[in-house]
Amino acid sequence: MPGRVKATAKFSGFEYQGGFADPVFEPLRIFSATGTVYRALKPWNISPQDVKYRAGALASTEPIVTFELAKKHYSVSVAMAQFVFNSNAVAWDQAPVIIEIIGSTASALAKELGVTVTQHSLSISMQLGITGKSIQELTGALSIPLGYPASDTDFFGFLLYTKDGVVFTVDKSAADPNDLFVRIVRKYKGTQDMDNMAKELYEDEQGLANALGIEIE
């Protein structure tokens, strides 16, 4: 897009947490659901060695069993109070597959354990390499309302909470101080449509990119 600064995603991670309305405080029941979840995930290149068990989980949100999919590109973990999807190399063209994996997992758990997912958290994290400008030049002007001219600002990061449950984080990357670190978190309650939640997260990403004057690639 004309006038935008190119931002290359050196790292992009996505996580979905689906919290159960009523946790299953019986680890053996979680173990017993392994076969049902495994069969639900078979379309995504999973084999028996991709199923990992963890003994002695200390909290209800700690994973008891983890399924690694698509040559370890994706993972699904099941705990007593939630299930979690993770990927550390994502792009938006993968959204239909990810949505299908999450939906299949939720359906399998509902069938085997009788759980209902009523709490949802979606987050995307990115390390962005900026081309043509330093991150000081990119963000320095944002400090002007605080009384600091752009020339006196090394970097302007921020943390924004919205009333509808969105959290935006913009900071220097810990991996490379010349890069941007961006994280967006969206939370929902009740029965939700995964396609709609993903759409809103995408719109959040585009809105943040517009605010920073960057085009994420």
N, C-alpha and C. Protein backbone atom coordinates (compact mmCIF):
# COMPACT_ATOMS: atom_id res chain seq x y z
N MET A 1 0.85 -1.20 0.00
CA MET A 1 0.00 0.00 0.00
C MET A 1 0.88 1.24 0.00
N PRO A 2 0.61 2.21 -0.90
CA PRO A 2 1.45 3.40 -1.00
C PRO A 2 1.56 4.14 0.33
N GLY A 3 2.77 4.60 0.66
CA GLY A 3 2.98 5.38 1.86
C GLY A 3 3.20 4.55 3.11
N ARG A 4 2.99 3.24 3.03
CA ARG A 4 3.18 2.37 4.18
C ARG A 4 4.61 1.87 4.23
N VAL A 5 5.06 1.61 5.45
CA VAL A 5 6.38 1.02 5.67
C VAL A 5 6.23 -0.49 5.70
N LYS A 6 7.11 -1.18 5.00
CA LYS A 6 7.05 -2.64 4.95
C LYS A 6 7.49 -3.22 6.29
N ALA A 7 6.68 -4.15 6.82
CA ALA A 7 7.00 -4.85 8.07
C ALA A 7 6.95 -6.35 7.81
N THR A 8 8.10 -6.98 7.89
CA THR A 8 8.20 -8.41 7.60
C THR A 8 8.09 -9.21 8.88
N ALA A 9 7.17 -10.17 8.90
CA ALA A 9 6.99 -11.00 10.09
C ALA A 9 8.10 -12.04 10.17
N LYS A 10 9.05 -11.83 11.09
CA LYS A 10 10.12 -12.80 11.31
C LYS A 10 9.64 -13.95 12.18
N PHE A 11 8.68 -13.66 13.00
CA PHE A 11 8.03 -14.68 13.85
C PHE A 11 6.56 -14.31 13.97
N SER A 12 5.70 -15.31 13.88
CA SER A 12 4.28 -15.07 14.09
C SER A 12 3.67 -16.29 14.77
N GLY A 13 3.15 -16.09 15.95
CA GLY A 13 2.56 -17.19 16.71
C GLY A 13 1.10 -16.92 17.00
N PHE A 14 0.31 -17.99 17.01
CA PHE A 14 -1.11 -17.89 17.33
C PHE A 14 -1.46 -18.88 18.42
N GLU A 15 -2.31 -18.45 19.36
CA GLU A 15 -2.79 -19.35 20.41
C GLU A 15 -4.28 -19.14 20.63
N TYR A 16 -4.98 -20.25 20.76
CA TYR A 16 -6.39 -20.23 21.14
C TYR A 16 -6.55 -21.03 22.42
N GLN A 17 -7.21 -20.44 23.42
CA GLN A 17 -7.55 -21.15 24.65
C GLN A 17 -9.06 -21.25 24.74
N GLY A 18 -9.56 -22.48 24.88
CA GLY A 18 -10.99 -22.71 25.04
C GLY A 18 -11.28 -23.23 26.43
N GLY A 19 -11.86 -22.40 27.28
CA GLY A 19 -12.13 -22.77 28.67
C GLY A 19 -13.47 -23.47 28.82
N PHE A 20 -13.50 -24.54 29.61
CA PHE A 20 -14.72 -25.31 29.81
C PHE A 20 -15.64 -24.63 30.83
N ALA A 21 -16.95 -24.71 30.58
CA ALA A 21 -17.92 -24.18 31.54
C ALA A 21 -17.78 -24.89 32.88
N ASP A 22 -17.57 -26.21 32.83
CA ASP A 22 -17.37 -27.01 34.04
C ASP A 22 -16.11 -27.85 33.86
N PRO A 23 -15.04 -27.52 34.58
CA PRO A 23 -13.80 -28.29 34.45
C PRO A 23 -14.01 -29.77 34.80
N VAL A 24 -13.18 -30.60 34.23
CA VAL A 24 -13.22 -32.04 34.49
C VAL A 24 -12.11 -32.35 35.49
N PHE A 25 -12.45 -32.40 36.78
CA PHE A 25 -11.42 -32.58 37.81
C PHE A 25 -11.09 -34.05 38.03
N GLU A 26 -11.00 -34.79 36.95
CA GLU A 26 -10.64 -36.20 36.99
C GLU A 26 -9.67 -36.48 35.85
N PRO A 27 -8.37 -36.43 36.14
CA PRO A 27 -7.37 -36.63 35.07
C PRO A 27 -7.59 -37.91 34.27
N LEU A 28 -8.08 -38.97 34.91
CA LEU A 28 -8.28 -40.22 34.18
C LEU A 28 -9.31 -40.06 33.07
N ARG A 29 -10.29 -39.18 33.26
CA ARG A 29 -11.27 -38.93 32.20
C ARG A 29 -10.62 -38.21 31.02
N ILE A 30 -9.67 -37.33 31.31
CA ILE A 30 -8.95 -36.66 30.22
C ILE A 30 -8.16 -37.70 29.42
N PHE A 31 -7.47 -38.60 30.14
CA PHE A 31 -6.74 -39.66 29.45
C PHE A 31 -7.67 -40.51 28.60
N SER A 32 -8.87 -40.79 29.12
CA SER A 32 -9.80 -41.66 28.39
C SER A 32 -10.32 -41.02 27.12
N ALA A 33 -10.23 -39.68 27.02
CA ALA A 33 -10.70 -38.97 25.82
C ALA A 33 -9.65 -38.93 24.72
N THR A 34 -8.45 -39.42 25.01
CA THR A 34 -7.34 -39.31 24.04
C THR A 34 -7.70 -39.93 22.70
N GLY A 35 -8.28 -41.12 22.71
CA GLY A 35 -8.59 -41.80 21.46
C GLY A 35 -9.58 -41.04 20.61
N THR A 36 -10.60 -40.47 21.25
CA THR A 36 -11.61 -39.71 20.50
C THR A 36 -11.01 -38.48 19.86
N VAL A 37 -10.18 -37.75 20.62
CA VAL A 37 -9.54 -36.55 20.08
C VAL A 37 -8.55 -36.93 18.97
N TYR A 38 -7.81 -38.01 19.19
CA TYR A 38 -6.84 -38.47 18.18
C TYR A 38 -7.54 -38.76 16.85
N ARG A 39 -8.65 -39.46 16.92
CA ARG A 39 -9.38 -39.79 15.68
C ARG A 39 -9.92 -38.53 15.01
N ALA A 40 -10.33 -37.55 15.81
CA ALA A 40 -10.83 -36.29 15.24
C ALA A 40 -9.73 -35.51 14.53
N LEU A 41 -8.48 -35.70 14.98
CA LEU A 41 -7.36 -34.93 14.43
C LEU A 41 -6.59 -35.69 13.34
N LYS A 42 -6.99 -36.90 13.01
CA LYS A 42 -6.26 -37.70 12.02
C LYS A 42 -6.14 -37.04 10.65
N PRO A 43 -7.09 -36.22 10.20
CA PRO A 43 -6.91 -35.58 8.88
C PRO A 43 -5.70 -34.66 8.80
N TRP A 44 -5.10 -34.30 9.95
CA TRP A 44 -4.00 -33.33 9.93
C TRP A 44 -2.66 -33.99 10.26
N ASN A 45 -2.44 -35.15 9.69
CA ASN A 45 -1.11 -35.78 9.71
C ASN A 45 -0.61 -36.02 11.13
N ILE A 46 -1.37 -36.79 11.88
CA ILE A 46 -0.98 -37.15 13.24
C ILE A 46 -0.76 -38.65 13.30
N SER A 47 0.22 -39.07 14.09
CA SER A 47 0.50 -40.49 14.28
C SER A 47 0.65 -40.75 15.78
N PRO A 48 0.64 -42.01 16.21
CA PRO A 48 0.69 -42.30 17.65
C PRO A 48 1.87 -41.64 18.38
N GLN A 49 3.03 -41.54 17.74
CA GLN A 49 4.17 -40.94 18.42
C GLN A 49 4.02 -39.43 18.62
N ASP A 50 2.99 -38.84 18.00
CA ASP A 50 2.74 -37.41 18.16
C ASP A 50 1.85 -37.10 19.36
N VAL A 51 1.49 -38.12 20.12
CA VAL A 51 0.66 -37.94 21.31
C VAL A 51 1.56 -38.02 22.53
N LYS A 52 1.61 -36.94 23.32
CA LYS A 52 2.50 -36.85 24.48
C LYS A 52 1.67 -36.70 25.76
N TYR A 53 2.02 -37.51 26.76
CA TYR A 53 1.35 -37.43 28.05
C TYR A 53 2.23 -36.75 29.07
N ARG A 54 1.56 -36.08 30.01
CA ARG A 54 2.30 -35.44 31.09
C ARG A 54 1.70 -35.88 32.41
N ALA A 55 2.52 -36.41 33.27
CA ALA A 55 2.05 -36.85 34.59
C ALA A 55 2.27 -35.74 35.61
N GLY A 56 1.40 -35.69 36.60
CA GLY A 56 1.59 -34.77 37.72
C GLY A 56 1.31 -33.32 37.41
N ALA A 57 0.30 -33.03 36.58
CA ALA A 57 -0.09 -31.64 36.33
C ALA A 57 -0.52 -31.00 37.65
N LEU A 58 0.00 -29.82 37.93
CA LEU A 58 -0.24 -29.18 39.23
C LEU A 58 -1.46 -28.28 39.23
N ALA A 59 -1.89 -27.81 38.08
CA ALA A 59 -3.03 -26.89 38.00
C ALA A 59 -4.00 -27.39 36.94
N SER A 60 -5.25 -26.97 37.07
CA SER A 60 -6.29 -27.46 36.16
C SER A 60 -6.10 -26.97 34.73
N THR A 61 -5.26 -25.95 34.53
CA THR A 61 -5.01 -25.43 33.18
C THR A 61 -3.73 -25.99 32.56
N GLU A 62 -3.00 -26.82 33.31
CA GLU A 62 -1.78 -27.42 32.76
C GLU A 62 -2.13 -28.61 31.89
N PRO A 63 -1.46 -28.77 30.75
CA PRO A 63 -1.81 -29.86 29.83
C PRO A 63 -1.54 -31.24 30.41
N ILE A 64 -2.48 -32.14 30.17
CA ILE A 64 -2.31 -33.55 30.55
C ILE A 64 -1.89 -34.37 29.34
N VAL A 65 -2.45 -34.04 28.19
CA VAL A 65 -2.07 -34.72 26.95
C VAL A 65 -1.95 -33.69 25.83
N THR A 66 -0.94 -33.85 24.98
CA THR A 66 -0.69 -32.92 23.87
C THR A 66 -0.61 -33.71 22.57
N PHE A 67 -1.26 -33.18 21.54
CA PHE A 67 -1.26 -33.78 20.22
C PHE A 67 -0.48 -32.85 19.28
N GLU A 68 0.54 -33.36 18.63
CA GLU A 68 1.32 -32.58 17.67
C GLU A 68 0.86 -32.93 16.26
N LEU A 69 0.55 -31.91 15.47
CA LEU A 69 -0.06 -32.12 14.15
C LEU A 69 0.82 -31.54 13.05
N ALA A 70 0.55 -32.01 11.83
CA ALA A 70 1.15 -31.44 10.63
C ALA A 70 2.66 -31.27 10.78
N LYS A 71 3.32 -32.39 11.12
CA LYS A 71 4.78 -32.40 11.29
C LYS A 71 5.23 -31.40 12.35
N LYS A 72 4.48 -31.37 13.45
CA LYS A 72 4.76 -30.53 14.62
C LYS A 72 4.54 -29.04 14.36
N HIS A 73 3.89 -28.70 13.27
CA HIS A 73 3.60 -27.31 12.96
C HIS A 73 2.52 -26.75 13.89
N TYR A 74 1.59 -27.61 14.28
CA TYR A 74 0.51 -27.23 15.19
C TYR A 74 0.52 -28.16 16.39
N SER A 75 -0.08 -27.71 17.50
CA SER A 75 -0.29 -28.59 18.64
C SER A 75 -1.61 -28.27 19.31
N VAL A 76 -2.21 -29.31 19.88
CA VAL A 76 -3.44 -29.17 20.67
C VAL A 76 -3.17 -29.84 22.01
N SER A 77 -3.39 -29.10 23.11
CA SER A 77 -3.20 -29.63 24.45
C SER A 77 -4.53 -29.63 25.19
N VAL A 78 -4.75 -30.69 25.97
CA VAL A 78 -5.98 -30.80 26.74
C VAL A 78 -5.65 -30.85 28.23
N ALA A 79 -6.32 -30.00 29.01
CA ALA A 79 -6.16 -29.96 30.46
C ALA A 79 -7.53 -30.21 31.09
N MET A 80 -7.59 -30.14 32.41
CA MET A 80 -8.85 -30.38 33.10
C MET A 80 -9.84 -29.24 32.91
N ALA A 81 -9.33 -28.02 32.66
CA ALA A 81 -10.21 -26.85 32.58
C ALA A 81 -10.28 -26.22 31.20
N GLN A 82 -9.47 -26.69 30.26
CA GLN A 82 -9.43 -26.04 28.95
C GLN A 82 -8.69 -26.91 27.95
N PHE A 83 -8.81 -26.52 26.67
CA PHE A 83 -7.89 -27.04 25.66
C PHE A 83 -7.26 -25.85 24.96
N VAL A 84 -6.06 -26.07 24.42
CA VAL A 84 -5.28 -24.98 23.84
C VAL A 84 -4.73 -25.41 22.48
N PHE A 85 -4.88 -24.56 21.49
CA PHE A 85 -4.24 -24.73 20.18
C PHE A 85 -3.07 -23.77 20.09
N ASN A 86 -1.95 -24.24 19.55
CA ASN A 86 -0.77 -23.39 19.38
C ASN A 86 -0.12 -23.62 18.03
N SER A 87 0.43 -22.54 17.45
CA SER A 87 1.30 -22.63 16.30
C SER A 87 2.28 -21.48 16.35
N ASN A 88 3.54 -21.75 16.03
CA ASN A 88 4.57 -20.72 16.08
C ASN A 88 5.02 -20.25 14.71
N ALA A 89 4.29 -20.57 13.69
CA ALA A 89 4.61 -20.09 12.34
C ALA A 89 3.31 -20.05 11.55
N VAL A 90 2.58 -18.94 11.69
CA VAL A 90 1.26 -18.86 11.09
C VAL A 90 1.15 -17.68 10.13
N ALA A 91 0.20 -17.81 9.22
CA ALA A 91 -0.19 -16.73 8.31
C ALA A 91 -1.71 -16.83 8.17
N TRP A 92 -2.33 -15.76 7.71
CA TRP A 92 -3.79 -15.73 7.69
C TRP A 92 -4.38 -16.72 6.69
N ASP A 93 -3.60 -17.15 5.70
CA ASP A 93 -4.15 -18.13 4.77
C ASP A 93 -4.31 -19.52 5.41
N GLN A 94 -3.75 -19.69 6.62
CA GLN A 94 -3.93 -20.94 7.35
C GLN A 94 -5.19 -20.94 8.22
N ALA A 95 -5.87 -19.81 8.29
CA ALA A 95 -7.02 -19.67 9.20
C ALA A 95 -8.08 -20.74 9.01
N PRO A 96 -8.49 -21.08 7.76
CA PRO A 96 -9.53 -22.12 7.61
C PRO A 96 -9.14 -23.46 8.22
N VAL A 97 -7.87 -23.86 8.06
CA VAL A 97 -7.40 -25.12 8.62
C VAL A 97 -7.40 -25.05 10.14
N ILE A 98 -6.88 -23.96 10.68
CA ILE A 98 -6.81 -23.81 12.14
C ILE A 98 -8.21 -23.82 12.75
N ILE A 99 -9.14 -23.11 12.12
CA ILE A 99 -10.51 -23.08 12.62
C ILE A 99 -11.12 -24.48 12.62
N GLU A 100 -10.82 -25.26 11.59
CA GLU A 100 -11.36 -26.62 11.50
C GLU A 100 -10.76 -27.51 12.58
N ILE A 101 -9.46 -27.36 12.86
CA ILE A 101 -8.81 -28.15 13.91
C ILE A 101 -9.42 -27.83 15.26
N ILE A 102 -9.60 -26.55 15.55
CA ILE A 102 -10.18 -26.14 16.83
C ILE A 102 -11.60 -26.66 16.97
N GLY A 103 -12.38 -26.54 15.90
CA GLY A 103 -13.75 -27.02 15.93
C GLY A 103 -13.84 -28.53 16.13
N SER A 104 -12.97 -29.28 15.46
CA SER A 104 -12.96 -30.73 15.59
C SER A 104 -12.57 -31.15 17.00
N THR A 105 -11.61 -30.44 17.60
CA THR A 105 -11.20 -30.75 18.97
C THR A 105 -12.34 -30.48 19.95
N ALA A 106 -12.99 -29.33 19.80
CA ALA A 106 -14.10 -28.99 20.69
C ALA A 106 -15.23 -30.01 20.58
N SER A 107 -15.53 -30.45 19.37
CA SER A 107 -16.60 -31.43 19.16
C SER A 107 -16.24 -32.78 19.79
N ALA A 108 -14.98 -33.19 19.63
CA ALA A 108 -14.55 -34.47 20.21
C ALA A 108 -14.61 -34.44 21.73
N LEU A 109 -14.21 -33.34 22.33
CA LEU A 109 -14.25 -33.22 23.78
C LEU A 109 -15.68 -33.16 24.30
N ALA A 110 -16.54 -32.49 23.56
CA ALA A 110 -17.95 -32.42 23.94
C ALA A 110 -18.57 -33.82 23.90
N LYS A 111 -18.22 -34.57 22.88
CA LYS A 111 -18.76 -35.94 22.72
C LYS A 111 -18.27 -36.86 23.83
N GLU A 112 -16.99 -36.81 24.13
CA GLU A 112 -16.39 -37.77 25.07
C GLU A 112 -16.55 -37.34 26.53
N LEU A 113 -16.42 -36.03 26.80
CA LEU A 113 -16.42 -35.55 28.18
C LEU A 113 -17.66 -34.75 28.57
N GLY A 114 -18.46 -34.38 27.57
CA GLY A 114 -19.66 -33.60 27.85
C GLY A 114 -19.37 -32.16 28.23
N VAL A 115 -18.20 -31.65 27.83
CA VAL A 115 -17.83 -30.27 28.19
C VAL A 115 -18.35 -29.29 27.14
N THR A 116 -18.58 -28.07 27.61
CA THR A 116 -18.98 -26.97 26.73
C THR A 116 -17.95 -25.86 26.88
N VAL A 117 -17.46 -25.35 25.75
CA VAL A 117 -16.47 -24.26 25.79
C VAL A 117 -17.22 -22.93 25.87
N THR A 118 -17.00 -22.21 26.95
CA THR A 118 -17.70 -20.94 27.17
C THR A 118 -16.76 -19.76 27.40
N GLN A 119 -15.46 -20.00 27.39
CA GLN A 119 -14.48 -18.93 27.52
C GLN A 119 -13.45 -19.09 26.40
N HIS A 120 -13.21 -18.00 25.71
CA HIS A 120 -12.35 -18.04 24.53
C HIS A 120 -11.30 -16.94 24.61
N SER A 121 -10.06 -17.31 24.33
CA SER A 121 -8.98 -16.32 24.26
C SER A 121 -8.17 -16.60 23.00
N LEU A 122 -8.08 -15.60 22.13
CA LEU A 122 -7.28 -15.69 20.91
C LEU A 122 -6.16 -14.67 20.99
N SER A 123 -4.94 -15.10 20.67
CA SER A 123 -3.84 -14.15 20.69
C SER A 123 -2.90 -14.40 19.52
N ILE A 124 -2.37 -13.33 19.00
CA ILE A 124 -1.37 -13.40 17.95
C ILE A 124 -0.19 -12.55 18.37
N SER A 125 1.02 -13.10 18.22
CA SER A 125 2.25 -12.41 18.58
C SER A 125 3.17 -12.38 17.37
N MET A 126 3.82 -11.25 17.14
CA MET A 126 4.68 -11.11 15.97
C MET A 126 5.95 -10.33 16.29
N GLN A 127 7.05 -10.76 15.69
CA GLN A 127 8.27 -9.98 15.63
C GLN A 127 8.36 -9.43 14.23
N LEU A 128 8.38 -8.10 14.11
CA LEU A 128 8.30 -7.45 12.81
C LEU A 128 9.60 -6.71 12.50
N GLY A 129 10.22 -7.07 11.38
CA GLY A 129 11.37 -6.33 10.89
C GLY A 129 10.91 -5.19 10.00
N ILE A 130 11.34 -3.99 10.31
CA ILE A 130 10.86 -2.79 9.60
C ILE A 130 11.87 -2.40 8.52
N THR A 131 11.38 -2.13 7.32
CA THR A 131 12.22 -1.75 6.19
C THR A 131 12.03 -0.27 5.86
N GLY A 132 13.12 0.47 5.79
CA GLY A 132 13.05 1.87 5.35
C GLY A 132 12.95 2.88 6.47
N LYS A 133 12.68 2.44 7.68
CA LYS A 133 12.62 3.32 8.84
C LYS A 133 13.11 2.56 10.06
N SER A 134 13.63 3.30 11.03
CA SER A 134 13.94 2.69 12.32
C SER A 134 12.66 2.67 13.15
N ILE A 135 12.63 1.85 14.19
CA ILE A 135 11.43 1.84 15.03
C ILE A 135 11.30 3.16 15.80
N GLN A 136 12.42 3.88 15.99
CA GLN A 136 12.33 5.20 16.60
C GLN A 136 11.59 6.16 15.67
N GLU A 137 11.92 6.14 14.39
CA GLU A 137 11.24 7.00 13.42
C GLU A 137 9.78 6.62 13.28
N LEU A 138 9.51 5.32 13.40
CA LEU A 138 8.15 4.83 13.22
C LEU A 138 7.23 5.23 14.36
N THR A 139 7.77 5.23 15.59
CA THR A 139 6.91 5.45 16.77
C THR A 139 7.17 6.74 17.51
N GLY A 140 8.26 7.41 17.20
CA GLY A 140 8.65 8.58 17.99
C GLY A 140 7.59 9.66 18.09
N ALA A 141 6.87 9.92 16.99
CA ALA A 141 5.87 10.98 16.99
C ALA A 141 4.71 10.71 17.95
N LEU A 142 4.50 9.44 18.32
CA LEU A 142 3.42 9.09 19.23
C LEU A 142 3.64 9.64 20.63
N SER A 143 4.89 10.03 20.95
CA SER A 143 5.20 10.55 22.29
C SER A 143 4.91 12.04 22.42
N ILE A 144 4.62 12.72 21.32
CA ILE A 144 4.45 14.18 21.34
C ILE A 144 3.35 14.63 22.32
N PRO A 145 2.18 13.95 22.37
CA PRO A 145 1.15 14.38 23.33
C PRO A 145 1.60 14.32 24.79
N LEU A 146 2.66 13.54 25.08
CA LEU A 146 3.17 13.46 26.45
C LEU A 146 4.21 14.53 26.74
N GLY A 147 4.50 15.36 25.75
CA GLY A 147 5.45 16.44 25.94
C GLY A 147 6.86 16.11 25.54
N TYR A 148 7.06 14.96 24.89
CA TYR A 148 8.39 14.58 24.44
C TYR A 148 8.44 14.64 22.92
N PRO A 149 9.25 15.51 22.36
CA PRO A 149 9.36 15.55 20.90
C PRO A 149 9.95 14.24 20.38
N ALA A 150 9.63 13.95 19.14
CA ALA A 150 10.09 12.70 18.54
C ALA A 150 11.61 12.58 18.60
N SER A 151 12.31 13.71 18.49
CA SER A 151 13.78 13.69 18.49
C SER A 151 14.34 13.24 19.83
N ASP A 152 13.56 13.36 20.92
CA ASP A 152 14.02 12.97 22.25
C ASP A 152 13.55 11.57 22.65
N THR A 153 12.84 10.90 21.75
CA THR A 153 12.27 9.60 22.07
C THR A 153 13.03 8.50 21.36
N ASP A 154 13.51 7.54 22.14
CA ASP A 154 14.23 6.41 21.56
C ASP A 154 13.23 5.42 20.93
N PHE A 155 12.13 5.19 21.62
CA PHE A 155 11.09 4.30 21.13
C PHE A 155 9.84 4.54 21.94
N PHE A 156 8.67 4.48 21.30
CA PHE A 156 7.40 4.64 22.01
C PHE A 156 6.61 3.34 21.89
N GLY A 157 6.50 2.62 22.98
CA GLY A 157 5.66 1.43 23.02
C GLY A 157 4.41 1.71 23.83
N PHE A 158 3.46 0.81 23.75
CA PHE A 158 2.24 1.04 24.52
C PHE A 158 1.49 -0.26 24.78
N LEU A 159 0.61 -0.17 25.77
CA LEU A 159 -0.28 -1.27 26.13
C LEU A 159 -1.68 -0.67 26.22
N LEU A 160 -2.60 -1.20 25.40
CA LEU A 160 -3.95 -0.64 25.31
C LEU A 160 -4.97 -1.72 25.62
N TYR A 161 -5.87 -1.41 26.57
CA TYR A 161 -6.98 -2.30 26.89
C TYR A 161 -8.27 -1.65 26.39
N THR A 162 -9.09 -2.39 25.67
CA THR A 162 -10.36 -1.85 25.21
C THR A 162 -11.50 -2.42 26.05
N LYS A 163 -12.64 -1.75 26.01
CA LYS A 163 -13.79 -2.18 26.82
C LYS A 163 -14.39 -3.49 26.33
N ASP A 164 -14.13 -3.84 25.07
CA ASP A 164 -14.70 -5.09 24.55
C ASP A 164 -13.71 -6.25 24.60
N GLY A 165 -12.69 -6.12 25.46
CA GLY A 165 -11.83 -7.26 25.75
C GLY A 165 -10.65 -7.47 24.84
N VAL A 166 -10.14 -6.40 24.23
CA VAL A 166 -8.97 -6.52 23.36
C VAL A 166 -7.78 -5.86 24.06
N VAL A 167 -6.62 -6.51 23.98
CA VAL A 167 -5.39 -5.95 24.54
C VAL A 167 -4.36 -5.85 23.41
N PHE A 168 -3.85 -4.65 23.20
CA PHE A 168 -2.80 -4.41 22.20
C PHE A 168 -1.50 -4.12 22.93
N THR A 169 -0.43 -4.80 22.54
CA THR A 169 0.90 -4.54 23.08
C THR A 169 1.85 -4.23 21.93
N VAL A 170 2.56 -3.11 22.02
CA VAL A 170 3.60 -2.75 21.05
C VAL A 170 4.86 -2.43 21.84
N ASP A 171 5.96 -3.12 21.52
CA ASP A 171 7.19 -2.96 22.29
C ASP A 171 8.38 -3.25 21.38
N LYS A 172 9.58 -3.03 21.93
CA LYS A 172 10.78 -3.49 21.24
C LYS A 172 10.84 -5.01 21.32
N SER A 173 11.31 -5.63 20.28
CA SER A 173 11.47 -7.07 20.30
C SER A 173 12.63 -7.46 21.22
N ALA A 174 12.41 -8.47 22.06
CA ALA A 174 13.49 -8.97 22.92
C ALA A 174 14.54 -9.71 22.09
N ALA A 175 14.10 -10.28 20.96
CA ALA A 175 15.03 -11.03 20.11
C ALA A 175 15.95 -10.10 19.33
N ASP A 176 15.45 -8.93 18.94
CA ASP A 176 16.23 -7.96 18.17
C ASP A 176 15.68 -6.58 18.48
N PRO A 177 16.41 -5.73 19.20
CA PRO A 177 15.91 -4.41 19.60
C PRO A 177 15.63 -3.47 18.44
N ASN A 178 16.02 -3.87 17.22
CA ASN A 178 15.70 -3.06 16.05
C ASN A 178 14.34 -3.42 15.46
N ASP A 179 13.73 -4.47 15.98
CA ASP A 179 12.44 -4.94 15.47
C ASP A 179 11.31 -4.58 16.44
N LEU A 180 10.10 -4.60 15.92
CA LEU A 180 8.91 -4.40 16.74
C LEU A 180 8.40 -5.73 17.26
N PHE A 181 7.89 -5.71 18.49
CA PHE A 181 7.12 -6.84 19.01
C PHE A 181 5.68 -6.38 19.15
N VAL A 182 4.77 -7.16 18.58
CA VAL A 182 3.34 -6.81 18.61
C VAL A 182 2.56 -8.01 19.12
N ARG A 183 1.63 -7.75 20.01
CA ARG A 183 0.76 -8.83 20.50
C ARG A 183 -0.66 -8.29 20.62
N ILE A 184 -1.60 -9.08 20.14
CA ILE A 184 -3.02 -8.73 20.23
C ILE A 184 -3.75 -9.90 20.88
N VAL A 185 -4.54 -9.61 21.90
CA VAL A 185 -5.32 -10.63 22.59
C VAL A 185 -6.79 -10.24 22.57
N ARG A 186 -7.65 -11.19 22.21
CA ARG A 186 -9.10 -10.99 22.23
C ARG A 186 -9.73 -12.06 23.10
N LYS A 187 -10.67 -11.67 23.98
CA LYS A 187 -11.34 -12.63 24.85
C LYS A 187 -12.86 -12.52 24.68
N TYR A 188 -13.51 -13.68 24.77
CA TYR A 188 -14.96 -13.76 24.62
C TYR A 188 -15.52 -14.72 25.66
N LYS A 189 -16.81 -14.56 25.93
CA LYS A 189 -17.52 -15.49 26.80
C LYS A 189 -18.74 -16.03 26.08
N GLY A 190 -19.17 -17.21 26.52
CA GLY A 190 -20.37 -17.81 25.95
C GLY A 190 -20.10 -18.54 24.65
N THR A 191 -21.16 -18.94 24.00
CA THR A 191 -21.05 -19.63 22.71
C THR A 191 -20.66 -18.63 21.64
N GLN A 192 -19.60 -18.95 20.89
CA GLN A 192 -19.09 -18.02 19.88
C GLN A 192 -18.82 -18.76 18.57
N ASP A 193 -18.83 -18.00 17.49
CA ASP A 193 -18.49 -18.53 16.18
C ASP A 193 -17.02 -18.27 15.92
N MET A 194 -16.26 -19.34 15.66
CA MET A 194 -14.81 -19.20 15.50
C MET A 194 -14.46 -18.34 14.30
N ASP A 195 -15.21 -18.46 13.22
CA ASP A 195 -14.94 -17.64 12.04
C ASP A 195 -15.05 -16.16 12.38
N ASN A 196 -16.06 -15.80 13.14
CA ASN A 196 -16.27 -14.40 13.50
C ASN A 196 -15.17 -13.89 14.43
N MET A 197 -14.76 -14.74 15.40
CA MET A 197 -13.68 -14.33 16.30
C MET A 197 -12.39 -14.10 15.52
N ALA A 198 -12.09 -15.01 14.58
CA ALA A 198 -10.88 -14.86 13.77
C ALA A 198 -10.95 -13.59 12.91
N LYS A 199 -12.13 -13.31 12.37
CA LYS A 199 -12.32 -12.11 11.55
C LYS A 199 -12.04 -10.85 12.37
N GLU A 200 -12.53 -10.82 13.59
CA GLU A 200 -12.31 -9.64 14.43
C GLU A 200 -10.84 -9.50 14.82
N LEU A 201 -10.16 -10.62 15.05
CA LEU A 201 -8.73 -10.55 15.36
C LEU A 201 -7.95 -10.03 14.16
N TYR A 202 -8.33 -10.47 12.97
CA TYR A 202 -7.69 -9.97 11.74
C TYR A 202 -7.91 -8.46 11.60
N GLU A 203 -9.13 -8.00 11.87
CA GLU A 203 -9.43 -6.57 11.78
C GLU A 203 -8.64 -5.78 12.82
N ASP A 204 -8.42 -6.37 14.00
CA ASP A 204 -7.58 -5.72 15.01
C ASP A 204 -6.15 -5.56 14.50
N GLU A 205 -5.63 -6.61 13.87
CA GLU A 205 -4.27 -6.55 13.34
C GLU A 205 -4.16 -5.47 12.27
N GLN A 206 -5.14 -5.41 11.37
CA GLN A 206 -5.12 -4.40 10.32
C GLN A 206 -5.26 -3.00 10.88
N GLY A 207 -6.09 -2.85 11.91
CA GLY A 207 -6.25 -1.54 12.55
C GLY A 207 -4.97 -1.06 13.21
N LEU A 208 -4.27 -1.98 13.87
CA LEU A 208 -3.01 -1.61 14.50
C LEU A 208 -1.96 -1.26 13.44
N ALA A 209 -1.93 -2.03 12.35
CA ALA A 209 -1.00 -1.73 11.27
C ALA A 209 -1.27 -0.35 10.68
N ASN A 210 -2.55 -0.02 10.50
CA ASN A 210 -2.91 1.31 9.99
C ASN A 210 -2.44 2.41 10.93
N ALA A 211 -2.62 2.19 12.24
CA ALA A 211 -2.23 3.19 13.23
C ALA A 211 -0.72 3.43 13.22
N LEU A 212 0.03 2.36 12.97
CA LEU A 212 1.50 2.47 12.97
C LEU A 212 2.05 2.84 11.59
N GLY A 213 1.20 2.80 10.57
CA GLY A 213 1.65 3.14 9.22
C GLY A 213 2.51 2.07 8.60
N ILE A 214 2.19 0.80 8.92
CA ILE A 214 2.98 -0.29 8.37
C ILE A 214 2.09 -1.24 7.56
N GLU A 215 2.72 -2.01 6.71
CA GLU A 215 2.05 -3.07 5.96
C GLU A 215 2.75 -4.38 6.30
N ILE A 216 2.03 -5.27 6.98
CA ILE A 216 2.62 -6.50 7.46
C ILE A 216 2.64 -7.55 6.34
N GLU A 217 3.81 -8.13 6.14
CA GLU A 217 3.97 -9.16 5.11
C GLU A 217 4.46 -10.46 5.72
